[in-house]
């Protein structure tokens, strides 16, 4: 029984190493669309002028 458990532990370690380090993930169509969406510029509006003053200031 200890040999069976040890063999399963070694097999698990080998499979984990393969999937983490050797196998290259393939990009699906949804992943590619999400990556393309993230590479576009995001419009930014500075709203600091509209913020309330800090508590304790005399502005």
N, C-alpha and C. Protein backbone atom coordinates (compact mmCIF):
# COMPACT_ATOMS: atom_id res chain seq x y z
N UNK A 1 0.81 -1.20 0.00
CA UNK A 1 0.00 0.00 0.00
C UNK A 1 0.86 1.27 0.00
N UNK A 2 1.98 1.32 0.74
CA UNK A 2 2.80 2.53 0.69
C UNK A 2 3.38 2.78 -0.71
N UNK A 3 3.66 1.70 -1.45
CA UNK A 3 4.18 1.88 -2.81
C UNK A 3 3.13 2.48 -3.73
N UNK A 4 1.91 2.08 -3.55
CA UNK A 4 0.82 2.63 -4.35
C UNK A 4 0.65 4.11 -4.06
N UNK A 5 0.65 4.47 -2.79
CA UNK A 5 0.52 5.88 -2.42
C UNK A 5 1.70 6.69 -2.94
N UNK A 6 2.91 6.19 -2.79
CA UNK A 6 4.08 6.89 -3.28
C UNK A 6 4.06 7.04 -4.79
N UNK A 7 3.60 6.01 -5.49
CA UNK A 7 3.49 6.09 -6.94
C UNK A 7 2.49 7.14 -7.37
N UNK A 8 1.37 7.22 -6.66
CA UNK A 8 0.37 8.24 -6.99
C UNK A 8 0.88 9.65 -6.71
N UNK A 9 1.65 9.80 -5.65
CA UNK A 9 2.23 11.11 -5.34
C UNK A 9 3.20 11.52 -6.44
N UNK A 10 4.04 10.60 -6.87
CA UNK A 10 5.01 10.91 -7.93
C UNK A 10 4.29 11.20 -9.25
N UNK A 11 3.27 10.42 -9.57
CA UNK A 11 2.50 10.66 -10.78
C UNK A 11 1.81 12.02 -10.74
N UNK A 12 1.28 12.36 -9.58
CA UNK A 12 0.63 13.66 -9.43
C UNK A 12 1.64 14.79 -9.61
N UNK A 13 2.83 14.65 -9.05
CA UNK A 13 3.86 15.68 -9.19
C UNK A 13 4.30 15.82 -10.64
N UNK A 14 4.43 14.71 -11.35
CA UNK A 14 4.82 14.77 -12.76
C UNK A 14 3.75 15.45 -13.61
N UNK A 15 2.49 15.11 -13.38
CA UNK A 15 1.42 15.73 -14.16
C UNK A 15 1.30 17.22 -13.84
N UNK A 16 1.45 17.57 -12.58
CA UNK A 16 1.39 18.98 -12.21
C UNK A 16 2.52 19.76 -12.86
N UNK A 17 3.73 19.21 -12.83
CA UNK A 17 4.85 19.86 -13.49
C UNK A 17 4.65 20.01 -14.98
N UNK A 18 4.06 19.00 -15.60
CA UNK A 18 3.80 19.09 -17.04
C UNK A 18 2.82 20.21 -17.35
N UNK A 19 1.70 20.25 -16.63
CA UNK A 19 0.68 21.24 -16.94
C UNK A 19 1.10 22.65 -16.53
N UNK A 20 1.95 22.79 -15.52
CA UNK A 20 2.36 24.12 -15.10
C UNK A 20 3.51 24.68 -15.93
N UNK A 21 4.45 23.83 -16.34
CA UNK A 21 5.67 24.35 -16.95
C UNK A 21 5.87 23.98 -18.41
N UNK A 22 5.39 22.85 -18.85
CA UNK A 22 5.71 22.41 -20.20
C UNK A 22 4.62 22.69 -21.22
N UNK A 23 3.37 22.55 -20.83
CA UNK A 23 2.28 22.72 -21.78
C UNK A 23 2.00 24.20 -21.98
N UNK A 24 2.01 24.64 -23.22
CA UNK A 24 1.70 26.02 -23.54
C UNK A 24 0.19 26.17 -23.70
N UNK A 25 -0.42 27.12 -23.01
CA UNK A 25 -1.87 27.27 -23.13
C UNK A 25 -2.25 27.84 -24.50
N UNK A 26 -3.34 27.37 -25.03
CA UNK A 26 -3.83 27.88 -26.30
C UNK A 26 -4.88 28.94 -26.03
N UNK A 27 -4.81 30.03 -26.79
CA UNK A 27 -5.77 31.11 -26.59
C UNK A 27 -7.03 30.80 -27.39
N UNK A 28 -8.15 30.87 -26.71
CA UNK A 28 -9.44 30.66 -27.37
C UNK A 28 -9.93 31.99 -27.92
N UNK A 29 -11.04 31.94 -28.63
CA UNK A 29 -11.57 33.15 -29.25
C UNK A 29 -12.05 34.14 -28.19
N UNK A 30 -12.62 33.66 -27.11
CA UNK A 30 -13.10 34.57 -26.06
C UNK A 30 -11.93 35.22 -25.31
N UNK A 31 -10.86 34.46 -25.11
CA UNK A 31 -9.68 35.02 -24.44
C UNK A 31 -9.04 36.06 -25.34
N UNK A 32 -8.96 35.80 -26.62
CA UNK A 32 -8.38 36.76 -27.56
C UNK A 32 -9.22 38.03 -27.61
N UNK A 33 -10.54 37.91 -27.58
CA UNK A 33 -11.40 39.09 -27.59
C UNK A 33 -11.21 39.91 -26.32
N UNK A 34 -11.07 39.25 -25.19
CA UNK A 34 -10.84 39.96 -23.93
C UNK A 34 -9.49 40.66 -23.93
N UNK A 35 -8.46 40.02 -24.47
CA UNK A 35 -7.15 40.65 -24.54
C UNK A 35 -7.18 41.86 -25.47
N UNK A 36 -7.87 41.76 -26.59
CA UNK A 36 -7.98 42.89 -27.50
C UNK A 36 -8.73 44.04 -26.85
N UNK A 37 -9.73 43.71 -26.06
CA UNK A 37 -10.50 44.76 -25.38
C UNK A 37 -9.66 45.46 -24.33
N UNK A 38 -8.76 44.73 -23.68
CA UNK A 38 -7.93 45.33 -22.64
C UNK A 38 -6.80 46.18 -23.19
N UNK A 39 -6.42 45.99 -24.44
CA UNK A 39 -5.32 46.75 -25.00
C UNK A 39 -5.75 48.12 -25.53
N UNK A 40 -7.06 48.38 -25.62
CA UNK A 40 -7.52 49.70 -26.06
C UNK A 40 -7.38 50.70 -24.92
N UNK A 41 -7.19 51.96 -25.29
CA UNK A 41 -7.04 52.99 -24.28
C UNK A 41 -8.38 53.22 -23.57
N UNK A 42 -8.28 53.50 -22.29
CA UNK A 42 -9.47 53.78 -21.49
C UNK A 42 -9.59 55.29 -21.34
N UNK A 43 -10.75 55.87 -21.65
CA UNK A 43 -10.88 57.31 -21.47
C UNK A 43 -10.82 57.67 -19.98
N UNK A 44 -10.09 58.74 -19.69
CA UNK A 44 -9.89 59.15 -18.30
C UNK A 44 -10.37 60.57 -18.13
N UNK A 45 -11.15 60.79 -17.09
CA UNK A 45 -11.61 62.13 -16.74
C UNK A 45 -11.13 62.44 -15.33
N UNK A 46 -10.41 63.53 -15.19
CA UNK A 46 -9.91 63.92 -13.88
C UNK A 46 -11.05 64.57 -13.11
N UNK A 47 -11.46 63.93 -12.04
CA UNK A 47 -12.57 64.45 -11.24
C UNK A 47 -12.10 65.01 -9.91
N UNK A 48 -10.83 65.33 -9.79
CA UNK A 48 -10.30 65.85 -8.53
C UNK A 48 -10.87 67.23 -8.21
N UNK A 49 -11.22 68.01 -9.22
CA UNK A 49 -11.77 69.34 -8.96
C UNK A 49 -13.17 69.25 -8.37
N UNK A 50 -13.85 68.13 -8.56
CA UNK A 50 -15.22 68.00 -8.07
C UNK A 50 -15.30 67.32 -6.71
N UNK A 51 -14.16 66.90 -6.16
CA UNK A 51 -14.16 66.19 -4.88
C UNK A 51 -14.31 67.19 -3.74
N UNK A 52 -14.93 66.74 -2.67
CA UNK A 52 -15.08 67.58 -1.50
C UNK A 52 -13.74 67.77 -0.81
N UNK A 53 -13.54 68.89 -0.11
CA UNK A 53 -12.26 69.08 0.58
C UNK A 53 -12.13 68.11 1.75
N UNK A 54 -10.88 67.86 2.15
CA UNK A 54 -10.63 66.95 3.26
C UNK A 54 -11.20 67.53 4.55
N UNK A 55 -11.59 66.66 5.44
CA UNK A 55 -12.12 67.11 6.72
C UNK A 55 -10.99 67.73 7.53
N UNK A 56 -11.23 68.92 8.04
CA UNK A 56 -10.23 69.61 8.85
C UNK A 56 -9.47 70.67 8.10
N UNK A 57 -9.67 70.79 6.76
CA UNK A 57 -8.99 71.84 6.00
C UNK A 57 -9.89 73.06 5.93
N UNK A 58 -9.28 74.22 5.67
CA UNK A 58 -10.04 75.47 5.64
C UNK A 58 -10.27 75.97 4.22
N UNK A 59 -10.41 75.05 3.27
CA UNK A 59 -10.63 75.44 1.86
C UNK A 59 -12.09 75.75 1.62
